[in-house]
Amino acid sequence: MPNSNPKNRHRPKLLSLLAAALLITACSQRPDTLDSSDGWVSLFDGESFAGWEMKSEIAERIWSIKDGVIDCSPFQGGKDDKHLWSTNEYRDFELHVEWRIKELKGIYNTPTVLPDGSYLLDANGERVINPSPGADSGIYLRGSNKSQINIWAWDIGSGEVYGYRHNQKDPEIRAGVTPKTKADKPIGEWNAFHITMKGDRLTVVLNGETVLNKARLPDVPESGPIALQHHGGYNEEQGVWNGASSLVQFRNIKIKEL
């Protein structure tokens, strides 16, 4: 028998809208609920650098905590280590990190990276570049700058593993560490990495999109600390910004050992 009640006719649509609203709410929640009972451990308490270390006085000028987030104020000068290192070492793990690029400064001759990890070349065999303001940071895995996941403003998107993408001998490895899609949010907005490192395989999910899927990292160290990278910075002598400076912030850093 046909449903003659107007209210009932609209009920399926209302239920669909309610389900969609609940799904959006669930997806928009910050993953602060990564539970310690499931093995997740917080690496940043929002108030101190407990569990982290700086290896130089210069680094102590660069890294600070502002409004509950880790802030990097980069500058050029000296050869001392400027990164922020975890005091513990990790082997196989899942890592959750929220980050944002605060702003772009300076000018960087940004090349165009192709899906296979190579560069777009012009008719003369030179890289096609786009001079533009930039920013550049990253996350070192197992203590190695070669196994660094990039955070930057390039068109290819964040999540790339720069040290392995320049492997000219193995096109499969190079393509594997090149992001499959650009999942970055606009400059100034918060992004979320979910990183899985197991053996020599790396998976990177950025804002819910898989940008690297079980990419192979040959000869990656078996274990090591995590580092938040300092790069570029302000040149005090010249009064200019490097176009690849780590103008970044981090928060909500959690790890689960596997």
C-alpha atoms as a PDB file:
ATOM      1  CA  MET A   1       0.000   0.000   0.000  1.00  0.00           C
ATOM      2  CA  PRO A   2       1.410   3.464  -0.887  1.00  0.00           C
ATOM      3  CA  ASN A   3       2.590   5.539   2.062  1.00  0.00           C
ATOM      4  CA  SER A   4       0.063   8.385   2.306  1.00  0.00           C
ATOM      5  CA  ASN A   5       1.670  10.065   5.328  1.00  0.00           C
ATOM      6  CA  PRO A   6       3.771  13.069   4.124  1.00  0.00           C
ATOM      7  CA  LYS A   7       6.008  12.816   7.196  1.00  0.00           C
ATOM      8  CA  ASN A   8       6.850   9.201   6.399  1.00  0.00           C
ATOM      9  CA  ARG A   9       7.641  10.070   2.783  1.00  0.00           C
ATOM     10  CA  HIS A  10      10.403  12.430   3.982  1.00  0.00           C
ATOM     11  CA  ARG A  11      11.774  10.075   6.642  1.00  0.00           C
ATOM     12  CA  PRO A  12      14.326   8.218   4.414  1.00  0.00           C
ATOM     13  CA  LYS A  13      15.765  11.535   3.227  1.00  0.00           C
ATOM     14  CA  LEU A  14      16.017  12.826   6.798  1.00  0.00           C
ATOM     15  CA  LEU A  15      17.731   9.627   7.919  1.00  0.00           C
ATOM     16  CA  SER A  16      20.218   9.929   5.055  1.00  0.00           C
ATOM     17  CA  LEU A  17      21.000  13.532   5.973  1.00  0.00           C
ATOM     18  CA  LEU A  18      21.454  12.568   9.621  1.00  0.00           C
ATOM     19  CA  ALA A  19      23.818   9.734   8.706  1.00  0.00           C
ATOM     20  CA  ALA A  20      25.850  12.073   6.499  1.00  0.00           C
ATOM     21  CA  ALA A  21      26.080  14.643   9.284  1.00  0.00           C
ATOM     22  CA  LEU A  22      27.304  12.023  11.741  1.00  0.00           C
ATOM     23  CA  LEU A  23      29.910  10.829   9.243  1.00  0.00           C
ATOM     24  CA  ILE A  24      31.202  14.365   8.666  1.00  0.00           C
ATOM     25  CA  THR A  25      31.405  14.952  12.406  1.00  0.00           C
ATOM     26  CA  ALA A  26      33.334  11.723  12.950  1.00  0.00           C
ATOM     27  CA  CYS A  27      35.786  12.501  10.147  1.00  0.00           C
ATOM     28  CA  SER A  28      36.379  16.054  11.340  1.00  0.00           C
ATOM     29  CA  GLN A  29      37.273  15.115  14.896  1.00  0.00           C
ATOM     30  CA  ARG A  30      40.935  15.496  15.779  1.00  0.00           C
ATOM     31  CA  PRO A  31      42.490  12.087  16.504  1.00  0.00           C
ATOM     32  CA  ASP A  32      43.230  13.013  20.116  1.00  0.00           C
ATOM     33  CA  THR A  33      41.385   9.816  20.977  1.00  0.00           C
ATOM     34  CA  LEU A  34      44.299   7.602  19.867  1.00  0.00           C
ATOM     35  CA  ASP A  35      44.105   5.562  23.052  1.00  0.00           C
ATOM     36  CA  SER A  36      47.036   4.579  25.247  1.00  0.00           C
ATOM     37  CA  SER A  37      45.229   1.297  25.856  1.00  0.00           C
ATOM     38  CA  ASP A  38      45.809   0.548  22.162  1.00  0.00           C
ATOM     39  CA  GLY A  39      49.529   1.191  22.508  1.00  0.00           C
ATOM     40  CA  TRP A  40      49.638   4.859  21.519  1.00  0.00           C
ATOM     41  CA  VAL A  41      52.115   7.060  23.395  1.00  0.00           C
ATOM     42  CA  SER A  42      52.144  10.857  23.289  1.00  0.00           C
ATOM     43  CA  LEU A  43      55.493  12.373  22.266  1.00  0.00           C
ATOM     44  CA  PHE A  44      54.487  15.957  23.035  1.00  0.00           C
ATOM     45  CA  ASP A  45      52.627  17.134  26.120  1.00  0.00           C
ATOM     46  CA  GLY A  46      51.893  20.621  24.763  1.00  0.00           C
ATOM     47  CA  GLU A  47      53.913  22.288  27.508  1.00  0.00           C
ATOM     48  CA  SER A  48      57.519  21.078  27.434  1.00  0.00           C
ATOM     49  CA  PHE A  49      60.180  19.374  25.346  1.00  0.00           C
ATOM     50  CA  ALA A  50      60.142  16.296  27.571  1.00  0.00           C
ATOM     51  CA  GLY A  51      61.174  13.375  25.372  1.00  0.00           C
ATOM     52  CA  TRP A  52      62.999  15.649  22.925  1.00  0.00           C
ATOM     53  CA  GLU A  53      66.496  17.061  22.713  1.00  0.00           C
ATOM     54  CA  MET A  54      68.331  19.853  20.922  1.00  0.00           C
ATOM     55  CA  LYS A  55      71.968  19.227  20.107  1.00  0.00           C
ATOM     56  CA  SER A  56      73.194  22.824  19.941  1.00  0.00           C
ATOM     57  CA  GLU A  57      72.636  26.269  21.410  1.00  0.00           C
ATOM     58  CA  ILE A  58      71.486  27.408  17.976  1.00  0.00           C
ATOM     59  CA  ALA A  59      68.702  24.817  18.041  1.00  0.00           C
ATOM     60  CA  GLU A  60      67.537  26.196  21.377  1.00  0.00           C
ATOM     61  CA  ARG A  61      67.005  29.564  19.679  1.00  0.00           C
ATOM     62  CA  ILE A  62      65.056  27.985  16.844  1.00  0.00           C
ATOM     63  CA  TRP A  63      62.589  25.695  18.629  1.00  0.00           C
ATOM     64  CA  SER A  64      60.011  26.884  21.145  1.00  0.00           C
ATOM     65  CA  ILE A  65      56.525  26.104  22.411  1.00  0.00           C
ATOM     66  CA  LYS A  66      53.824  28.644  21.596  1.00  0.00           C
ATOM     67  CA  ASP A  67      50.178  28.209  22.523  1.00  0.00           C
ATOM     68  CA  GLY A  68      50.596  24.478  23.002  1.00  0.00           C
ATOM     69  CA  VAL A  69      52.375  23.759  19.706  1.00  0.00           C
ATOM     70  CA  ILE A  70      56.015  23.256  18.718  1.00  0.00           C
ATOM     71  CA  ASP A  71      57.155  26.284  16.743  1.00  0.00           C
ATOM     72  CA  CYS A  72      60.173  26.536  14.444  1.00  0.00           C
ATOM     73  CA  SER A  73      61.691  29.974  13.780  1.00  0.00           C
ATOM     74  CA  PRO A  74      64.501  29.099  11.370  1.00  0.00           C
ATOM     75  CA  PHE A  75      67.612  31.102  10.624  1.00  0.00           C
ATOM     76  CA  GLN A  76      70.806  30.478   8.704  1.00  0.00           C
ATOM     77  CA  GLY A  77      74.242  30.402  10.224  1.00  0.00           C
ATOM     78  CA  GLY A  78      76.685  27.918  11.649  1.00  0.00           C
ATOM     79  CA  LYS A  79      77.083  24.227  10.999  1.00  0.00           C
ATOM     80  CA  ASP A  80      75.664  22.949  14.281  1.00  0.00           C
ATOM     81  CA  ASP A  81      72.716  20.551  14.297  1.00  0.00           C
ATOM     82  CA  LYS A  82      69.481  22.557  14.306  1.00  0.00           C
ATOM     83  CA  HIS A  83      66.900  19.748  14.302  1.00  0.00           C
ATOM     84  CA  LEU A  84      64.652  18.636  17.162  1.00  0.00           C
ATOM     85  CA  TRP A  85      65.304  14.978  18.059  1.00  0.00           C
ATOM     86  CA  SER A  86      63.338  12.414  20.038  1.00  0.00           C
ATOM     87  CA  THR A  87      65.361  11.006  22.922  1.00  0.00           C
ATOM     88  CA  ASN A  88      64.085   7.493  22.220  1.00  0.00           C
ATOM     89  CA  GLU A  89      64.808   5.365  19.182  1.00  0.00           C
ATOM     90  CA  TYR A  90      62.136   3.482  17.260  1.00  0.00           C
ATOM     91  CA  ARG A  91      62.118   0.522  14.906  1.00  0.00           C
ATOM     92  CA  ASP A  92      58.678  -0.382  13.510  1.00  0.00           C
ATOM     93  CA  PHE A  93      55.874   2.010  14.354  1.00  0.00           C
ATOM     94  CA  GLU A  94      52.849   4.053  13.447  1.00  0.00           C
ATOM     95  CA  LEU A  95      53.347   7.790  13.904  1.00  0.00           C
ATOM     96  CA  HIS A  96      50.678  10.479  13.998  1.00  0.00           C
ATOM     97  CA  VAL A  97      51.845  14.080  13.517  1.00  0.00           C
ATOM     98  CA  GLU A  98      49.856  17.236  12.904  1.00  0.00           C
ATOM     99  CA  TRP A  99      51.722  20.067  11.203  1.00  0.00           C
ATOM    100  CA  ARG A 100      51.202  23.309   9.367  1.00  0.00           C
ATOM    101  CA  ILE A 101      53.234  25.699   7.258  1.00  0.00           C
ATOM    102  CA  LYS A 102      52.793  29.114   8.851  1.00  0.00           C
ATOM    103  CA  GLU A 103      53.628  31.152   5.760  1.00  0.00           C
ATOM    104  CA  LEU A 104      55.782  31.243   2.638  1.00  0.00           C
ATOM    105  CA  LYS A 105      58.842  33.475   2.379  1.00  0.00           C
ATOM    106  CA  GLY A 106      61.798  34.095   0.121  1.00  0.00           C
ATOM    107  CA  ILE A 107      61.979  32.846  -3.460  1.00  0.00           C
ATOM    108  CA  TYR A 108      62.753  29.258  -4.421  1.00  0.00           C
ATOM    109  CA  ASN A 109      63.292  27.936  -7.943  1.00  0.00           C
ATOM    110  CA  THR A 110      60.740  25.177  -7.559  1.00  0.00           C
ATOM    111  CA  PRO A 111      60.979  22.397 -10.165  1.00  0.00           C
ATOM    112  CA  THR A 112      58.096  20.304 -11.455  1.00  0.00           C
ATOM    113  CA  VAL A 113      58.231  16.693 -10.250  1.00  0.00           C
ATOM    114  CA  LEU A 114      56.613  14.082 -12.490  1.00  0.00           C
ATOM    115  CA  PRO A 115      54.671  11.042 -11.190  1.00  0.00           C
ATOM    116  CA  ASP A 116      57.699   8.785 -11.722  1.00  0.00           C
ATOM    117  CA  GLY A 117      59.812  11.028  -9.482  1.00  0.00           C
ATOM    118  CA  SER A 118      61.839  12.614 -12.266  1.00  0.00           C
ATOM    119  CA  TYR A 119      61.803  16.305 -13.183  1.00  0.00           C
ATOM    120  CA  LEU A 120      60.003  17.998 -16.055  1.00  0.00           C
ATOM    121  CA  LEU A 121      62.617  19.177 -18.574  1.00  0.00           C
ATOM    122  CA  ASP A 122      62.453  21.786 -21.308  1.00  0.00           C
ATOM    123  CA  ALA A 123      63.582  21.365 -24.924  1.00  0.00           C
ATOM    124  CA  ASN A 124      67.191  21.950 -23.863  1.00  0.00           C
ATOM    125  CA  GLY A 125      67.082  19.282 -21.190  1.00  0.00           C
ATOM    126  CA  GLU A 126      66.982  21.808 -18.351  1.00  0.00           C
ATOM    127  CA  ARG A 127      64.575  21.593 -15.429  1.00  0.00           C
ATOM    128  CA  VAL A 128      61.403  23.629 -15.776  1.00  0.00           C
ATOM    129  CA  ILE A 129      61.284  25.866 -12.712  1.00  0.00           C
ATOM    130  CA  ASN A 130      58.754  28.167 -11.115  1.00  0.00           C
ATOM    131  CA  PRO A 131      60.384  30.864  -8.941  1.00  0.00           C
ATOM    132  CA  SER A 132      58.000  31.359  -6.036  1.00  0.00           C
ATOM    133  CA  PRO A 133      57.880  31.874  -2.251  1.00  0.00           C
ATOM    134  CA  GLY A 134      58.445  28.625  -0.405  1.00  0.00           C
ATOM    135  CA  ALA A 135      58.792  26.672   2.828  1.00  0.00           C
ATOM    136  CA  ASP A 136      60.478  23.351   3.562  1.00  0.00           C
ATOM    137  CA  SER A 137      60.692  21.012   6.541  1.00  0.00           C
ATOM    138  CA  GLY A 138      60.269  17.329   7.196  1.00  0.00           C
ATOM    139  CA  ILE A 139      60.299  14.378   9.568  1.00  0.00           C
ATOM    140  CA  TYR A 140      63.351  12.123   9.862  1.00  0.00           C
ATOM    141  CA  LEU A 141      62.552   8.452  10.391  1.00  0.00           C
ATOM    142  CA  ARG A 142      65.008   6.151  12.198  1.00  0.00           C
ATOM    143  CA  GLY A 143      67.466   9.001  12.557  1.00  0.00           C
ATOM    144  CA  SER A 144      68.223   9.287   8.844  1.00  0.00           C
ATOM    145  CA  ASN A 145      67.926  12.361   6.639  1.00  0.00           C
ATOM    146  CA  LYS A 146      67.672  10.026   3.657  1.00  0.00           C
ATOM    147  CA  SER A 147      64.443   8.559   5.033  1.00  0.00           C
ATOM    148  CA  GLN A 148      62.976  12.016   5.603  1.00  0.00           C
ATOM    149  CA  ILE A 149      59.316  12.659   4.794  1.00  0.00           C
ATOM    150  CA  ASN A 150      59.113  16.095   3.248  1.00  0.00           C
ATOM    151  CA  ILE A 151      56.829  18.935   4.280  1.00  0.00           C
ATOM    152  CA  TRP A 152      56.902  21.679   1.685  1.00  0.00           C
ATOM    153  CA  ALA A 153      55.001  23.870  -0.783  1.00  0.00           C
ATOM    154  CA  TRP A 154      55.956  22.079  -3.999  1.00  0.00           C
ATOM    155  CA  ASP A 155      53.214  21.150  -6.461  1.00  0.00           C
ATOM    156  CA  ILE A 156      53.965  17.444  -5.982  1.00  0.00           C
ATOM    157  CA  GLY A 157      52.703  17.716  -2.406  1.00  0.00           C
ATOM    158  CA  SER A 158      54.089  16.694   0.972  1.00  0.00           C
ATOM    159  CA  GLY A 159      54.935  13.120   1.925  1.00  0.00           C
ATOM    160  CA  GLU A 160      57.745  12.601  -0.582  1.00  0.00           C
ATOM    161  CA  VAL A 161      60.993  10.918   0.533  1.00  0.00           C
ATOM    162  CA  TYR A 162      63.605  13.195  -1.024  1.00  0.00           C
ATOM    163  CA  GLY A 163      66.669  11.064  -0.327  1.00  0.00           C
ATOM    164  CA  TYR A 164      65.214   8.037  -2.094  1.00  0.00           C
ATOM    165  CA  ARG A 165      63.481   9.919  -4.909  1.00  0.00           C
ATOM    166  CA  HIS A 166      66.910  10.826  -6.284  1.00  0.00           C
ATOM    167  CA  ASN A 167      67.743   7.155  -6.783  1.00  0.00           C
ATOM    168  CA  GLN A 168      68.682   7.125 -10.464  1.00  0.00           C
ATOM    169  CA  LYS A 169      69.422   3.391 -10.539  1.00  0.00           C
ATOM    170  CA  ASP A 170      65.980   2.076  -9.579  1.00  0.00           C
ATOM    171  CA  PRO A 171      62.967   3.805 -11.195  1.00  0.00           C
ATOM    172  CA  GLU A 172      60.569   1.650  -9.145  1.00  0.00           C
ATOM    173  CA  ILE A 173      61.958   2.956  -5.855  1.00  0.00           C
ATOM    174  CA  ARG A 174      61.947   6.535  -7.116  1.00  0.00           C
ATOM    175  CA  ALA A 175      58.324   6.332  -8.238  1.00  0.00           C
ATOM    176  CA  GLY A 176      57.328   4.582  -5.015  1.00  0.00           C
ATOM    177  CA  VAL A 177      58.460   7.471  -2.811  1.00  0.00           C
ATOM    178  CA  THR A 178      56.776  10.126  -4.986  1.00  0.00           C
ATOM    179  CA  PRO A 179      53.329  11.221  -3.727  1.00  0.00           C
ATOM    180  CA  LYS A 180      50.442   9.767  -5.707  1.00  0.00           C
ATOM    181  CA  THR A 181      48.330  12.841  -5.041  1.00  0.00           C
ATOM    182  CA  LYS A 182      48.684  16.269  -3.468  1.00  0.00           C
ATOM    183  CA  ALA A 183      46.700  16.071  -0.231  1.00  0.00           C
ATOM    184  CA  ASP A 184      48.042  19.220   1.463  1.00  0.00           C
ATOM    185  CA  LYS A 185      45.640  21.769   2.872  1.00  0.00           C
ATOM    186  CA  PRO A 186      46.122  25.481   2.081  1.00  0.00           C
ATOM    187  CA  ILE A 187      49.079  27.260   3.671  1.00  0.00           C
ATOM    188  CA  GLY A 188      48.279  28.160   7.279  1.00  0.00           C
ATOM    189  CA  GLU A 189      45.900  25.242   7.869  1.00  0.00           C
ATOM    190  CA  TRP A 190      46.687  22.142   9.928  1.00  0.00           C
ATOM    191  CA  ASN A 191      47.526  18.852   8.211  1.00  0.00           C
ATOM    192  CA  ALA A 192      47.776  15.338   9.649  1.00  0.00           C
ATOM    193  CA  PHE A 193      50.319  12.649   8.751  1.00  0.00           C
ATOM    194  CA  HIS A 194      49.689   9.013   9.653  1.00  0.00           C
ATOM    195  CA  ILE A 195      52.978   7.254   8.990  1.00  0.00           C
ATOM    196  CA  THR A 196      53.589   3.510   9.119  1.00  0.00           C
ATOM    197  CA  MET A 197      57.204   2.302   9.089  1.00  0.00           C
ATOM    198  CA  LYS A 198      57.652  -1.473   9.116  1.00  0.00           C
ATOM    199  CA  GLY A 199      60.851  -3.132   7.993  1.00  0.00           C
ATOM    200  CA  ASP A 200      61.939  -1.259   4.892  1.00  0.00           C
ATOM    201  CA  ARG A 201      58.376  -0.358   3.890  1.00  0.00           C
ATOM    202  CA  LEU A 202      56.826   3.063   4.372  1.00  0.00           C
ATOM    203  CA  THR A 203      53.190   4.125   4.066  1.00  0.00           C
ATOM    204  CA  VAL A 204      52.193   7.770   4.399  1.00  0.00           C
ATOM    205  CA  VAL A 205      48.598   8.948   4.738  1.00  0.00           C
ATOM    206  CA  LEU A 206      48.102  12.715   4.562  1.00  0.00           C
ATOM    207  CA  ASN A 207      44.746  14.144   5.605  1.00  0.00           C
ATOM    208  CA  GLY A 208      43.096  10.781   5.030  1.00  0.00           C
ATOM    209  CA  GLU A 209      44.617  10.200   1.572  1.00  0.00           C
ATOM    210  CA  THR A 210      47.314   7.601   0.968  1.00  0.00           C
ATOM    211  CA  VAL A 211      50.177   9.401  -0.771  1.00  0.00           C
ATOM    212  CA  LEU A 212      52.765   6.603  -0.365  1.00  0.00           C
ATOM    213  CA  ASN A 213      51.771   2.947  -0.154  1.00  0.00           C
ATOM    214  CA  LYS A 214      54.353   0.502   1.191  1.00  0.00           C
ATOM    215  CA  ALA A 215      57.192   2.317  -0.560  1.00  0.00           C
ATOM    216  CA  ARG A 216      60.487   0.438  -0.291  1.00  0.00           C
ATOM    217  CA  LEU A 217      63.445   2.153   1.369  1.00  0.00           C
ATOM    218  CA  PRO A 218      66.508  -0.030   0.701  1.00  0.00           C
ATOM    219  CA  ASP A 219      69.187   0.007   3.404  1.00  0.00           C
ATOM    220  CA  VAL A 220      67.112   2.177   5.730  1.00  0.00           C
ATOM    221  CA  PRO A 221      68.498   1.983   9.308  1.00  0.00           C
ATOM    222  CA  GLU A 222      66.886  -0.705  11.468  1.00  0.00           C
ATOM    223  CA  SER A 223      66.055   1.821  14.180  1.00  0.00           C
ATOM    224  CA  GLY A 224      66.741   5.376  15.245  1.00  0.00           C
ATOM    225  CA  PRO A 225      65.218   8.558  16.649  1.00  0.00           C
ATOM    226  CA  ILE A 226      62.598  10.755  15.037  1.00  0.00           C
ATOM    227  CA  ALA A 227      63.552  14.316  14.158  1.00  0.00           C
ATOM    228  CA  LEU A 228      61.620  17.421  13.190  1.00  0.00           C
ATOM    229  CA  GLN A 229      63.720  19.124  10.550  1.00  0.00           C
ATOM    230  CA  HIS A 230      65.148  22.623  10.500  1.00  0.00           C
ATOM    231  CA  HIS A 231      65.832  23.901   6.987  1.00  0.00           C
ATOM    232  CA  GLY A 232      66.904  27.201   5.462  1.00  0.00           C
ATOM    233  CA  GLY A 233      65.950  30.230   7.499  1.00  0.00           C
ATOM    234  CA  TYR A 234      66.554  33.933   7.780  1.00  0.00           C
ATOM    235  CA  ASN A 235      69.977  35.193   6.720  1.00  0.00           C
ATOM    236  CA  GLU A 236      70.771  37.873   9.275  1.00  0.00           C
ATOM    237  CA  GLU A 237      73.802  39.186   7.364  1.00  0.00           C
ATOM    238  CA  GLN A 238      71.935  39.644   4.084  1.00  0.00           C
ATOM    239  CA  GLY A 239      68.548  40.404   5.604  1.00  0.00           C
ATOM    240  CA  VAL A 240      66.708  37.933   3.353  1.00  0.00           C
ATOM    241  CA  TRP A 241      64.792  34.685   3.739  1.00  0.00           C
ATOM    242  CA  ASN A 242      65.868  31.421   2.157  1.00  0.00           C
ATOM    243  CA  GLY A 243      63.064  30.224  -0.114  1.00  0.00           C
ATOM    244  CA  ALA A 244      63.105  26.783   1.510  1.00  0.00           C
ATOM    245  CA  SER A 245      62.760  27.632   5.191  1.00  0.00           C
ATOM    246  CA  SER A 246      61.116  25.517   7.889  1.00  0.00           C
ATOM    247  CA  LEU A 247      58.364  27.971   8.772  1.00  0.00           C
ATOM    248  CA  VAL A 248      56.374  25.207  10.445  1.00  0.00           C
ATOM    249  CA  GLN A 249      54.569  24.173  13.600  1.00  0.00           C
ATOM    250  CA  PHE A 250      53.799  20.719  15.032  1.00  0.00           C
ATOM    251  CA  ARG A 251      51.274  19.356  17.513  1.00  0.00           C
ATOM    252  CA  ASN A 252      49.512  16.171  18.609  1.00  0.00           C
ATOM    253  CA  ILE A 253      52.479  13.847  18.056  1.00  0.00           C
ATOM    254  CA  LYS A 254      51.797  10.231  18.995  1.00  0.00           C
ATOM    255  CA  ILE A 255      53.519   6.942  18.279  1.00  0.00           C
ATOM    256  CA  LYS A 256      52.553   3.284  18.468  1.00  0.00           C
ATOM    257  CA  GLU A 257      55.348   0.741  18.320  1.00  0.00           C
ATOM    258  CA  LEU A 258      54.615  -2.376  16.284  1.00  0.00           C
END
